[in-house]
Amino acid sequence: RVLVEATEMIGVFDSGYGGLTIFRELIKQFPEHSFVYLGDNARAPYGNKTPEEITEYTKQGVDALLKKGCTLVILGCNTASAVALRELQQKWLPITWADRKLLGIVVPTIEQITETTSPISVGILGTMRTIESHAYKHEIQKRNPNIFVYEYACIILAGIIETLGSKNTEVVHEAQKSVQALLDVAGSGGGTLDAVLLACTHYELIADSIAAVLPNATKLYHQPSIVAKSLADYLQRHTEIDSQIDKTGKRIYLTTGNPEEVSQKSTDFIGETIAFELLQIPTTLVSP
């Protein structure tokens, strides 16, 4: 099959399936806007890769979407946003795609969390690289010193969600074990958790299993709604970008992996039929 050109669309890039949770909310909130999704399933997950690999792979994925005509790309991946976004925005995009925009999902989430004026404690569940970057902890506490932040790196969780699916008992067990570990981290620091952030969009696919083992009073932040609200604010402030975006409601799904397998798993994850097309980009680390 021939790929449909994504002219003047909004692109969403993720390492695999997790960004579909962001994508689903965006197309719900912007039914007329045209979107294209790219999952780098061939190289997922990103969370245990080196920062250099994450940056290069993210650049390749974003570049592929921009070549399809996307005027704006959103990194629907916390690891890519935490590790690669700043370098790509500052050093790569201005030279290669000066007229295009690249946004992440970490900053809007931090803005949402830090809106509170009361002292609260927040637990962050993320991949190894996201947690190692301390992007959430540093920025949250810089913006609002009243917020105590506890972090826990889920080393294998995104990978087994990607491989086994969201309803697999091993996935559910690993997720709930990770939540308990985060609660223990907070407890060892003498605190309890007022809220928990799933700082990996893959975890949103198993949010119900995670919520089931959280204390009733603990709030769970959901990134898809946060990102959709942030995009609405962004497009309202940048009408020159919004005016470039096709408003015929096109939806295109691309993957670097096996389209049939990715389509089936995505349909299972999201609960609606999704048909992916293969997009071939380099699957090895390319030196600058």
C-alpha atoms as a PDB file:
ATOM      1  CA  ARG A   1       0.000   0.000   0.000  1.00  0.00           C
ATOM      2  CA  VAL A   2       1.069   3.571  -0.643  1.00  0.00           C
ATOM      3  CA  LEU A   3       1.323   5.841   2.354  1.00  0.00           C
ATOM      4  CA  VAL A   4      -0.908   8.894   2.392  1.00  0.00           C
ATOM      5  CA  GLU A   5       1.127  12.070   2.636  1.00  0.00           C
ATOM      6  CA  ALA A   6       0.540  13.849   5.939  1.00  0.00           C
ATOM      7  CA  THR A   7       0.415  17.417   4.671  1.00  0.00           C
ATOM      8  CA  GLU A   8       0.124  20.095   7.352  1.00  0.00           C
ATOM      9  CA  MET A   9      -0.894  17.722  10.105  1.00  0.00           C
ATOM     10  CA  ILE A  10      -0.041  17.421  13.790  1.00  0.00           C
ATOM     11  CA  GLY A  11       2.395  14.595  14.419  1.00  0.00           C
ATOM     12  CA  VAL A  12       2.666  12.508  17.578  1.00  0.00           C
ATOM     13  CA  PHE A  13       5.823  10.462  18.089  1.00  0.00           C
ATOM     14  CA  ASP A  14       6.378   7.724  20.646  1.00  0.00           C
ATOM     15  CA  SER A  15       8.748   4.836  21.167  1.00  0.00           C
ATOM     16  CA  GLY A  16       5.837   2.419  20.819  1.00  0.00           C
ATOM     17  CA  TYR A  17       2.261   2.066  22.025  1.00  0.00           C
ATOM     18  CA  GLY A  18       2.164   4.424  25.007  1.00  0.00           C
ATOM     19  CA  GLY A  19       1.752   7.573  22.946  1.00  0.00           C
ATOM     20  CA  LEU A  20      -1.547   6.191  21.662  1.00  0.00           C
ATOM     21  CA  THR A  21      -3.061   7.247  24.989  1.00  0.00           C
ATOM     22  CA  ILE A  22      -2.027  10.823  24.193  1.00  0.00           C
ATOM     23  CA  PHE A  23      -3.119  10.483  20.570  1.00  0.00           C
ATOM     24  CA  ARG A  24      -6.555   9.150  21.514  1.00  0.00           C
ATOM     25  CA  GLU A  25      -7.259  12.142  23.751  1.00  0.00           C
ATOM     26  CA  LEU A  26      -5.971  14.619  21.159  1.00  0.00           C
ATOM     27  CA  ILE A  27      -8.225  13.332  18.386  1.00  0.00           C
ATOM     28  CA  LYS A  28     -11.119  13.324  20.845  1.00  0.00           C
ATOM     29  CA  GLN A  29     -10.521  16.960  21.755  1.00  0.00           C
ATOM     30  CA  PHE A  30      -9.644  18.056  18.187  1.00  0.00           C
ATOM     31  CA  PRO A  31     -11.944  16.029  15.915  1.00  0.00           C
ATOM     32  CA  GLU A  32     -11.455  18.321  12.899  1.00  0.00           C
ATOM     33  CA  HIS A  33      -7.648  18.551  13.107  1.00  0.00           C
ATOM     34  CA  SER A  34      -5.670  16.025  11.088  1.00  0.00           C
ATOM     35  CA  PHE A  35      -3.141  13.897  12.946  1.00  0.00           C
ATOM     36  CA  VAL A  36      -0.454  11.346  12.166  1.00  0.00           C
ATOM     37  CA  TYR A  37       0.974   8.938  14.741  1.00  0.00           C
ATOM     38  CA  LEU A  38       4.390   7.288  14.521  1.00  0.00           C
ATOM     39  CA  GLY A  39       5.400   4.525  16.908  1.00  0.00           C
ATOM     40  CA  ASP A  40       9.031   3.382  16.809  1.00  0.00           C
ATOM     41  CA  ASN A  41       8.004  -0.135  17.765  1.00  0.00           C
ATOM     42  CA  ALA A  42      11.048  -1.687  16.089  1.00  0.00           C
ATOM     43  CA  ARG A  43      13.301  -0.078  18.707  1.00  0.00           C
ATOM     44  CA  ALA A  44      10.963   0.161  21.698  1.00  0.00           C
ATOM     45  CA  PRO A  45      11.189   0.631  24.600  1.00  0.00           C
ATOM     46  CA  TYR A  46      13.431   3.678  24.956  1.00  0.00           C
ATOM     47  CA  GLY A  47      13.627   3.744  28.754  1.00  0.00           C
ATOM     48  CA  ASN A  48      16.751   1.571  29.116  1.00  0.00           C
ATOM     49  CA  LYS A  49      18.662   2.932  26.110  1.00  0.00           C
ATOM     50  CA  THR A  50      21.540   5.399  26.338  1.00  0.00           C
ATOM     51  CA  PRO A  51      20.779   9.132  26.189  1.00  0.00           C
ATOM     52  CA  GLU A  52      22.639   9.262  22.858  1.00  0.00           C
ATOM     53  CA  GLU A  53      20.472   6.520  21.386  1.00  0.00           C
ATOM     54  CA  ILE A  54      17.278   8.108  22.691  1.00  0.00           C
ATOM     55  CA  THR A  55      18.217  11.475  21.198  1.00  0.00           C
ATOM     56  CA  GLU A  56      19.195  10.029  17.835  1.00  0.00           C
ATOM     57  CA  TYR A  57      16.154   7.767  17.528  1.00  0.00           C
ATOM     58  CA  THR A  58      13.835  10.597  18.536  1.00  0.00           C
ATOM     59  CA  LYS A  59      15.446  12.879  15.969  1.00  0.00           C
ATOM     60  CA  GLN A  60      14.964  10.256  13.253  1.00  0.00           C
ATOM     61  CA  GLY A  61      11.306   9.787  14.168  1.00  0.00           C
ATOM     62  CA  VAL A  62      10.549  13.501  14.329  1.00  0.00           C
ATOM     63  CA  ASP A  63      12.405  14.062  11.066  1.00  0.00           C
ATOM     64  CA  ALA A  64      10.274  11.400   9.381  1.00  0.00           C
ATOM     65  CA  LEU A  65       7.078  13.109  10.549  1.00  0.00           C
ATOM     66  CA  LEU A  66       8.281  16.543   9.443  1.00  0.00           C
ATOM     67  CA  LYS A  67       9.127  15.117   6.026  1.00  0.00           C
ATOM     68  CA  LYS A  68       5.523  13.928   5.841  1.00  0.00           C
ATOM     69  CA  GLY A  69       4.471  17.560   6.121  1.00  0.00           C
ATOM     70  CA  CYS A  70       3.725  17.895   9.829  1.00  0.00           C
ATOM     71  CA  THR A  71       3.921  21.506  10.913  1.00  0.00           C
ATOM     72  CA  LEU A  72       3.967  20.551  14.603  1.00  0.00           C
ATOM     73  CA  VAL A  73       5.165  17.372  16.335  1.00  0.00           C
ATOM     74  CA  ILE A  74       4.432  16.336  19.909  1.00  0.00           C
ATOM     75  CA  LEU A  75       6.685  13.846  21.683  1.00  0.00           C
ATOM     76  CA  GLY A  76       4.130  11.547  23.283  1.00  0.00           C
ATOM     77  CA  CYS A  77       6.944   9.905  25.231  1.00  0.00           C
ATOM     78  CA  ASN A  78       8.263  11.008  28.626  1.00  0.00           C
ATOM     79  CA  THR A  79      11.692   9.481  28.075  1.00  0.00           C
ATOM     80  CA  ALA A  80      12.169  11.305  24.773  1.00  0.00           C
ATOM     81  CA  SER A  81      10.788  14.525  26.249  1.00  0.00           C
ATOM     82  CA  ALA A  82      13.031  14.331  29.323  1.00  0.00           C
ATOM     83  CA  VAL A  83      16.213  13.245  27.551  1.00  0.00           C
ATOM     84  CA  ALA A  84      16.100  14.513  23.958  1.00  0.00           C
ATOM     85  CA  LEU A  85      13.659  17.408  23.606  1.00  0.00           C
ATOM     86  CA  ARG A  86      15.832  20.308  24.735  1.00  0.00           C
ATOM     87  CA  GLU A  87      18.789  19.352  22.529  1.00  0.00           C
ATOM     88  CA  LEU A  88      16.561  18.845  19.487  1.00  0.00           C
ATOM     89  CA  GLN A  89      14.739  22.134  20.070  1.00  0.00           C
ATOM     90  CA  GLN A  90      17.917  24.145  20.595  1.00  0.00           C
ATOM     91  CA  LYS A  91      20.496  22.533  18.302  1.00  0.00           C
ATOM     92  CA  TRP A  92      18.764  20.525  15.578  1.00  0.00           C
ATOM     93  CA  LEU A  93      15.372  22.014  14.764  1.00  0.00           C
ATOM     94  CA  PRO A  94      16.508  25.647  14.165  1.00  0.00           C
ATOM     95  CA  ILE A  95      19.037  24.459  11.589  1.00  0.00           C
ATOM     96  CA  THR A  96      17.108  21.661   9.887  1.00  0.00           C
ATOM     97  CA  TRP A  97      13.432  22.651  10.283  1.00  0.00           C
ATOM     98  CA  ALA A  98      13.392  26.305  11.327  1.00  0.00           C
ATOM     99  CA  ASP A  99       9.722  26.765  10.405  1.00  0.00           C
ATOM    100  CA  ARG A 100       8.428  23.726  12.341  1.00  0.00           C
ATOM    101  CA  LYS A 101       7.642  23.226  16.025  1.00  0.00           C
ATOM    102  CA  LEU A 102       8.466  20.416  18.435  1.00  0.00           C
ATOM    103  CA  LEU A 103       6.739  20.081  21.810  1.00  0.00           C
ATOM    104  CA  GLY A 104       7.127  17.663  24.713  1.00  0.00           C
ATOM    105  CA  ILE A 105       4.812  16.417  27.431  1.00  0.00           C
ATOM    106  CA  VAL A 106       6.970  16.951  30.527  1.00  0.00           C
ATOM    107  CA  VAL A 107       6.577  20.735  30.865  1.00  0.00           C
ATOM    108  CA  PRO A 108       2.747  20.828  30.595  1.00  0.00           C
ATOM    109  CA  THR A 109       2.570  18.050  33.174  1.00  0.00           C
ATOM    110  CA  ILE A 110       4.857  19.933  35.541  1.00  0.00           C
ATOM    111  CA  GLU A 111       2.756  23.070  35.090  1.00  0.00           C
ATOM    112  CA  GLN A 112      -0.360  21.110  36.038  1.00  0.00           C
ATOM    113  CA  ILE A 113       1.227  19.575  39.136  1.00  0.00           C
ATOM    114  CA  THR A 114       2.730  22.830  40.403  1.00  0.00           C
ATOM    115  CA  GLU A 115      -0.529  24.800  40.212  1.00  0.00           C
ATOM    116  CA  THR A 116      -1.315  23.873  43.809  1.00  0.00           C
ATOM    117  CA  THR A 117      -0.549  26.325  46.622  1.00  0.00           C
ATOM    118  CA  SER A 118      -0.714  23.704  49.374  1.00  0.00           C
ATOM    119  CA  PRO A 119       2.210  21.512  50.459  1.00  0.00           C
ATOM    120  CA  ILE A 120       1.744  18.111  48.824  1.00  0.00           C
ATOM    121  CA  SER A 121       3.823  15.028  48.083  1.00  0.00           C
ATOM    122  CA  VAL A 122       3.949  13.566  44.577  1.00  0.00           C
ATOM    123  CA  GLY A 123       5.277  10.196  43.494  1.00  0.00           C
ATOM    124  CA  ILE A 124       6.784   9.802  40.029  1.00  0.00           C
ATOM    125  CA  LEU A 125       6.749   6.409  38.283  1.00  0.00           C
ATOM    126  CA  GLY A 126       8.910   6.457  35.162  1.00  0.00           C
ATOM    127  CA  THR A 127      11.463   4.629  33.052  1.00  0.00           C
ATOM    128  CA  MET A 128      15.074   4.394  34.136  1.00  0.00           C
ATOM    129  CA  ARG A 129      16.208   7.256  31.874  1.00  0.00           C
ATOM    130  CA  THR A 130      13.309   9.532  32.812  1.00  0.00           C
ATOM    131  CA  ILE A 131      13.979   9.056  36.509  1.00  0.00           C
ATOM    132  CA  GLU A 132      17.759   9.364  36.072  1.00  0.00           C
ATOM    133  CA  SER A 133      17.250  12.721  34.349  1.00  0.00           C
ATOM    134  CA  HIS A 134      15.352  14.032  37.428  1.00  0.00           C
ATOM    135  CA  ALA A 135      13.540  16.293  34.969  1.00  0.00           C
ATOM    136  CA  TYR A 136      10.299  16.110  36.927  1.00  0.00           C
ATOM    137  CA  LYS A 137      11.817  16.366  40.404  1.00  0.00           C
ATOM    138  CA  HIS A 138      14.074  19.322  39.653  1.00  0.00           C
ATOM    139  CA  GLU A 139      11.501  21.350  37.740  1.00  0.00           C
ATOM    140  CA  ILE A 140       8.617  20.653  40.108  1.00  0.00           C
ATOM    141  CA  GLN A 141      10.617  21.696  43.161  1.00  0.00           C
ATOM    142  CA  LYS A 142      12.100  24.702  41.370  1.00  0.00           C
ATOM    143  CA  ARG A 143       8.622  25.948  40.464  1.00  0.00           C
ATOM    144  CA  ASN A 144       6.980  25.003  43.751  1.00  0.00           C
ATOM    145  CA  PRO A 145       9.241  24.238  46.749  1.00  0.00           C
ATOM    146  CA  ASN A 146       6.146  23.213  48.738  1.00  0.00           C
ATOM    147  CA  ILE A 147       5.911  19.975  46.755  1.00  0.00           C
ATOM    148  CA  PHE A 148       7.846  16.935  47.959  1.00  0.00           C
ATOM    149  CA  VAL A 149       8.804  14.577  45.114  1.00  0.00           C
ATOM    150  CA  TYR A 150       9.540  10.859  45.385  1.00  0.00           C
ATOM    151  CA  GLU A 151      10.766   8.909  42.372  1.00  0.00           C
ATOM    152  CA  TYR A 152      10.860   5.262  41.371  1.00  0.00           C
ATOM    153  CA  ALA A 153      12.316   3.804  38.169  1.00  0.00           C
ATOM    154  CA  CYS A 154      10.345   0.926  36.666  1.00  0.00           C
ATOM    155  CA  ILE A 155      13.134  -0.885  34.833  1.00  0.00           C
ATOM    156  CA  ILE A 156      11.104  -3.414  32.821  1.00  0.00           C
ATOM    157  CA  LEU A 157       7.493  -2.238  32.991  1.00  0.00           C
ATOM    158  CA  ALA A 158       7.247  -0.383  29.649  1.00  0.00           C
ATOM    159  CA  GLY A 159       8.978  -3.242  27.873  1.00  0.00           C
ATOM    160  CA  ILE A 160       6.671  -5.953  29.129  1.00  0.00           C
ATOM    161  CA  ILE A 161       3.588  -3.818  28.436  1.00  0.00           C
ATOM    162  CA  GLU A 162       4.905  -3.446  24.875  1.00  0.00           C
ATOM    163  CA  THR A 163       5.547  -7.190  24.580  1.00  0.00           C
ATOM    164  CA  LEU A 164       2.823  -8.862  26.621  1.00  0.00           C
ATOM    165  CA  GLY A 165      -0.077  -6.403  26.578  1.00  0.00           C
ATOM    166  CA  SER A 166      -1.979  -4.532  29.245  1.00  0.00           C
ATOM    167  CA  LYS A 167      -4.067  -7.418  30.601  1.00  0.00           C
ATOM    168  CA  ASN A 168      -1.250  -9.909  31.128  1.00  0.00           C
ATOM    169  CA  THR A 169      -0.993 -11.020  34.764  1.00  0.00           C
ATOM    170  CA  GLU A 170       2.803 -10.560  34.777  1.00  0.00           C
ATOM    171  CA  VAL A 171       2.333  -6.957  33.617  1.00  0.00           C
ATOM    172  CA  VAL A 172      -0.278  -6.248  36.273  1.00  0.00           C
ATOM    173  CA  HIS A 173       1.904  -7.838  38.974  1.00  0.00           C
ATOM    174  CA  GLU A 174       4.978  -5.823  37.919  1.00  0.00           C
ATOM    175  CA  ALA A 175       2.954  -2.598  37.836  1.00  0.00           C
ATOM    176  CA  GLN A 176       1.522  -3.139  41.282  1.00  0.00           C
ATOM    177  CA  LYS A 177       4.953  -4.133  42.636  1.00  0.00           C
ATOM    178  CA  SER A 178       6.329  -0.862  41.263  1.00  0.00           C
ATOM    179  CA  VAL A 179       3.561   1.145  42.926  1.00  0.00           C
ATOM    180  CA  GLN A 180       4.290  -0.525  46.256  1.00  0.00           C
ATOM    181  CA  ALA A 181       7.992   0.260  45.820  1.00  0.00           C
ATOM    182  CA  LEU A 182       7.144   3.920  45.223  1.00  0.00           C
ATOM    183  CA  LEU A 183       4.948   3.969  48.316  1.00  0.00           C
ATOM    184  CA  ASP A 184       7.829   2.427  50.275  1.00  0.00           C
ATOM    185  CA  VAL A 185      10.223   5.132  49.005  1.00  0.00           C
ATOM    186  CA  ALA A 186       7.830   7.802  50.249  1.00  0.00           C
ATOM    187  CA  GLY A 187       7.335   5.974  53.521  1.00  0.00           C
ATOM    188  CA  SER A 188      11.068   5.681  54.138  1.00  0.00           C
ATOM    189  CA  GLY A 189      11.229   9.450  53.739  1.00  0.00           C
ATOM    190  CA  GLY A 190       8.576   9.833  56.381  1.00  0.00           C
ATOM    191  CA  GLY A 191       5.805  10.778  53.981  1.00  0.00           C
ATOM    192  CA  THR A 192       2.693   9.556  52.240  1.00  0.00           C
ATOM    193  CA  LEU A 193       1.683  10.298  48.676  1.00  0.00           C
ATOM    194  CA  ASP A 194      -1.031  12.814  47.893  1.00  0.00           C
ATOM    195  CA  ALA A 195      -0.668  12.163  44.160  1.00  0.00           C
ATOM    196  CA  VAL A 196       1.086   9.888  41.678  1.00  0.00           C
ATOM    197  CA  LEU A 197       2.181  10.701  38.149  1.00  0.00           C
ATOM    198  CA  LEU A 198       2.567   7.961  35.556  1.00  0.00           C
ATOM    199  CA  ALA A 199       5.612   9.504  33.874  1.00  0.00           C
ATOM    200  CA  CYS A 200       5.584   7.003  31.017  1.00  0.00           C
ATOM    201  CA  THR A 201       2.674   6.977  28.594  1.00  0.00           C
ATOM    202  CA  HIS A 202       2.838   3.170  28.430  1.00  0.00           C
ATOM    203  CA  TYR A 203       1.710   3.099  32.075  1.00  0.00           C
ATOM    204  CA  GLU A 204      -1.514   4.884  31.160  1.00  0.00           C
ATOM    205  CA  LEU A 205      -2.487   1.666  29.340  1.00  0.00           C
ATOM    206  CA  ILE A 206      -2.620  -0.071  32.749  1.00  0.00           C
ATOM    207  CA  ALA A 207      -3.779   2.908  34.807  1.00  0.00           C
ATOM    208  CA  ASP A 208      -6.718   0.973  36.286  1.00  0.00           C
ATOM    209  CA  SER A 209      -4.404  -1.724  37.659  1.00  0.00           C
ATOM    210  CA  ILE A 210      -2.162   0.946  39.168  1.00  0.00           C
ATOM    211  CA  ALA A 211      -5.048   2.922  40.660  1.00  0.00           C
ATOM    212  CA  ALA A 212      -6.365  -0.267  42.283  1.00  0.00           C
ATOM    213  CA  VAL A 213      -3.398  -0.461  44.664  1.00  0.00           C
ATOM    214  CA  LEU A 214      -3.084   3.231  45.467  1.00  0.00           C
ATOM    215  CA  PRO A 215      -4.585   4.579  48.705  1.00  0.00           C
ATOM    216  CA  ASN A 216      -8.075   5.961  48.104  1.00  0.00           C
ATOM    217  CA  ALA A 217      -6.968   9.493  48.934  1.00  0.00           C
ATOM    218  CA  THR A 218      -4.089   9.445  46.430  1.00  0.00           C
ATOM    219  CA  LYS A 219      -4.782  11.307  43.202  1.00  0.00           C
ATOM    220  CA  LEU A 220      -3.578   9.846  39.907  1.00  0.00           C
ATOM    221  CA  TYR A 221      -2.484  12.397  37.296  1.00  0.00           C
ATOM    222  CA  HIS A 222      -3.484  11.431  33.749  1.00  0.00           C
ATOM    223  CA  GLN A 223      -1.187  12.909  31.099  1.00  0.00           C
ATOM    224  CA  PRO A 224      -3.490  12.573  28.058  1.00  0.00           C
ATOM    225  CA  SER A 225      -5.967  15.164  29.341  1.00  0.00           C
ATOM    226  CA  ILE A 226      -3.115  17.418  30.513  1.00  0.00           C
ATOM    227  CA  VAL A 227      -1.439  17.323  27.090  1.00  0.00           C
ATOM    228  CA  ALA A 228      -4.707  17.941  25.238  1.00  0.00           C
ATOM    229  CA  LYS A 229      -5.425  21.007  27.374  1.00  0.00           C
ATOM    230  CA  SER A 230      -1.886  22.263  26.799  1.00  0.00           C
ATOM    231  CA  LEU A 231      -2.210  21.852  23.025  1.00  0.00           C
ATOM    232  CA  ALA A 232      -5.490  23.776  23.045  1.00  0.00           C
ATOM    233  CA  ASP A 233      -3.772  26.635  24.885  1.00  0.00           C
ATOM    234  CA  TYR A 234      -0.809  26.504  22.497  1.00  0.00           C
ATOM    235  CA  LEU A 235      -2.913  26.625  19.331  1.00  0.00           C
ATOM    236  CA  GLN A 236      -5.003  29.457  20.759  1.00  0.00           C
ATOM    237  CA  ARG A 237      -1.810  31.445  21.341  1.00  0.00           C
ATOM    238  CA  HIS A 238      -0.326  30.486  17.974  1.00  0.00           C
ATOM    239  CA  THR A 239      -3.130  30.962  15.485  1.00  0.00           C
ATOM    240  CA  GLU A 240      -0.591  31.147  12.662  1.00  0.00           C
ATOM    241  CA  ILE A 241       0.251  27.481  13.314  1.00  0.00           C
ATOM    242  CA  ASP A 242      -3.341  26.395  13.824  1.00  0.00           C
ATOM    243  CA  SER A 243      -4.305  27.972  10.501  1.00  0.00           C
ATOM    244  CA  GLN A 244      -1.773  25.755   8.682  1.00  0.00           C
ATOM    245  CA  ILE A 245      -3.205  22.502  10.007  1.00  0.00           C
ATOM    246  CA  ASP A 246      -5.553  20.503   7.800  1.00  0.00           C
ATOM    247  CA  LYS A 247      -9.066  20.403   9.271  1.00  0.00           C
ATOM    248  CA  THR A 248     -10.483  17.381   7.437  1.00  0.00           C
ATOM    249  CA  GLY A 249      -9.994  15.034  10.393  1.00  0.00           C
ATOM    250  CA  LYS A 250      -7.505  12.667   8.749  1.00  0.00           C
ATOM    251  CA  ARG A 251      -5.938   9.987  10.947  1.00  0.00           C
ATOM    252  CA  ILE A 252      -2.757   8.186   9.875  1.00  0.00           C
ATOM    253  CA  TYR A 253      -0.974   5.516  11.921  1.00  0.00           C
ATOM    254  CA  LEU A 254       2.640   4.638  11.136  1.00  0.00           C
ATOM    255  CA  THR A 255       5.042   2.166  12.738  1.00  0.00           C
ATOM    256  CA  THR A 256       8.645   1.081  12.272  1.00  0.00           C
ATOM    257  CA  GLY A 257       7.633  -2.398  13.435  1.00  0.00           C
ATOM    258  CA  ASN A 258       5.405  -5.116  12.008  1.00  0.00           C
ATOM    259  CA  PRO A 259       2.211  -3.328  10.892  1.00  0.00           C
ATOM    260  CA  GLU A 260      -0.070  -6.339  11.390  1.00  0.00           C
ATOM    261  CA  GLU A 261       1.223  -7.064  14.884  1.00  0.00           C
ATOM    262  CA  VAL A 262       1.203  -3.398  15.898  1.00  0.00           C
ATOM    263  CA  SER A 263      -2.314  -2.938  14.518  1.00  0.00           C
ATOM    264  CA  GLN A 264      -3.609  -5.911  16.502  1.00  0.00           C
ATOM    265  CA  LYS A 265      -1.966  -4.902  19.775  1.00  0.00           C
ATOM    266  CA  SER A 266      -3.008  -1.271  19.370  1.00  0.00           C
ATOM    267  CA  THR A 267      -6.593  -2.330  18.765  1.00  0.00           C
ATOM    268  CA  ASP A 268      -6.448  -4.417  21.955  1.00  0.00           C
ATOM    269  CA  PHE A 269      -4.899  -1.547  23.938  1.00  0.00           C
ATOM    270  CA  ILE A 270      -7.237   1.194  22.763  1.00  0.00           C
ATOM    271  CA  GLY A 271     -10.409  -0.820  22.239  1.00  0.00           C
ATOM    272  CA  GLU A 272     -11.039   0.341  18.692  1.00  0.00           C
ATOM    273  CA  THR A 273      -9.781  -0.835  15.313  1.00  0.00           C
ATOM    274  CA  ILE A 274      -6.508   0.791  14.280  1.00  0.00           C
ATOM    275  CA  ALA A 275      -4.672   0.000  11.041  1.00  0.00           C
ATOM    276  CA  PHE A 276      -0.963   0.841  10.922  1.00  0.00           C
ATOM    277  CA  GLU A 277       1.240   1.358   7.881  1.00  0.00           C
ATOM    278  CA  LEU A 278       4.956   0.576   7.778  1.00  0.00           C
ATOM    279  CA  LEU A 279       7.322   3.537   7.754  1.00  0.00           C
ATOM    280  CA  GLN A 280      10.917   2.548   7.179  1.00  0.00           C
ATOM    281  CA  ILE A 281      13.484   4.688   8.936  1.00  0.00           C
ATOM    282  CA  PRO A 282      17.002   3.647  10.015  1.00  0.00           C
ATOM    283  CA  THR A 283      16.853   1.074  12.809  1.00  0.00           C
ATOM    284  CA  THR A 284      20.471   1.461  13.872  1.00  0.00           C
ATOM    285  CA  LEU A 285      22.184   4.319  15.681  1.00  0.00           C
ATOM    286  CA  VAL A 286      23.397   6.869  13.146  1.00  0.00           C
ATOM    287  CA  SER A 287      26.378   9.008  14.101  1.00  0.00           C
ATOM    288  CA  PRO A 288      25.919  12.794  13.835  1.00  0.00           C
END
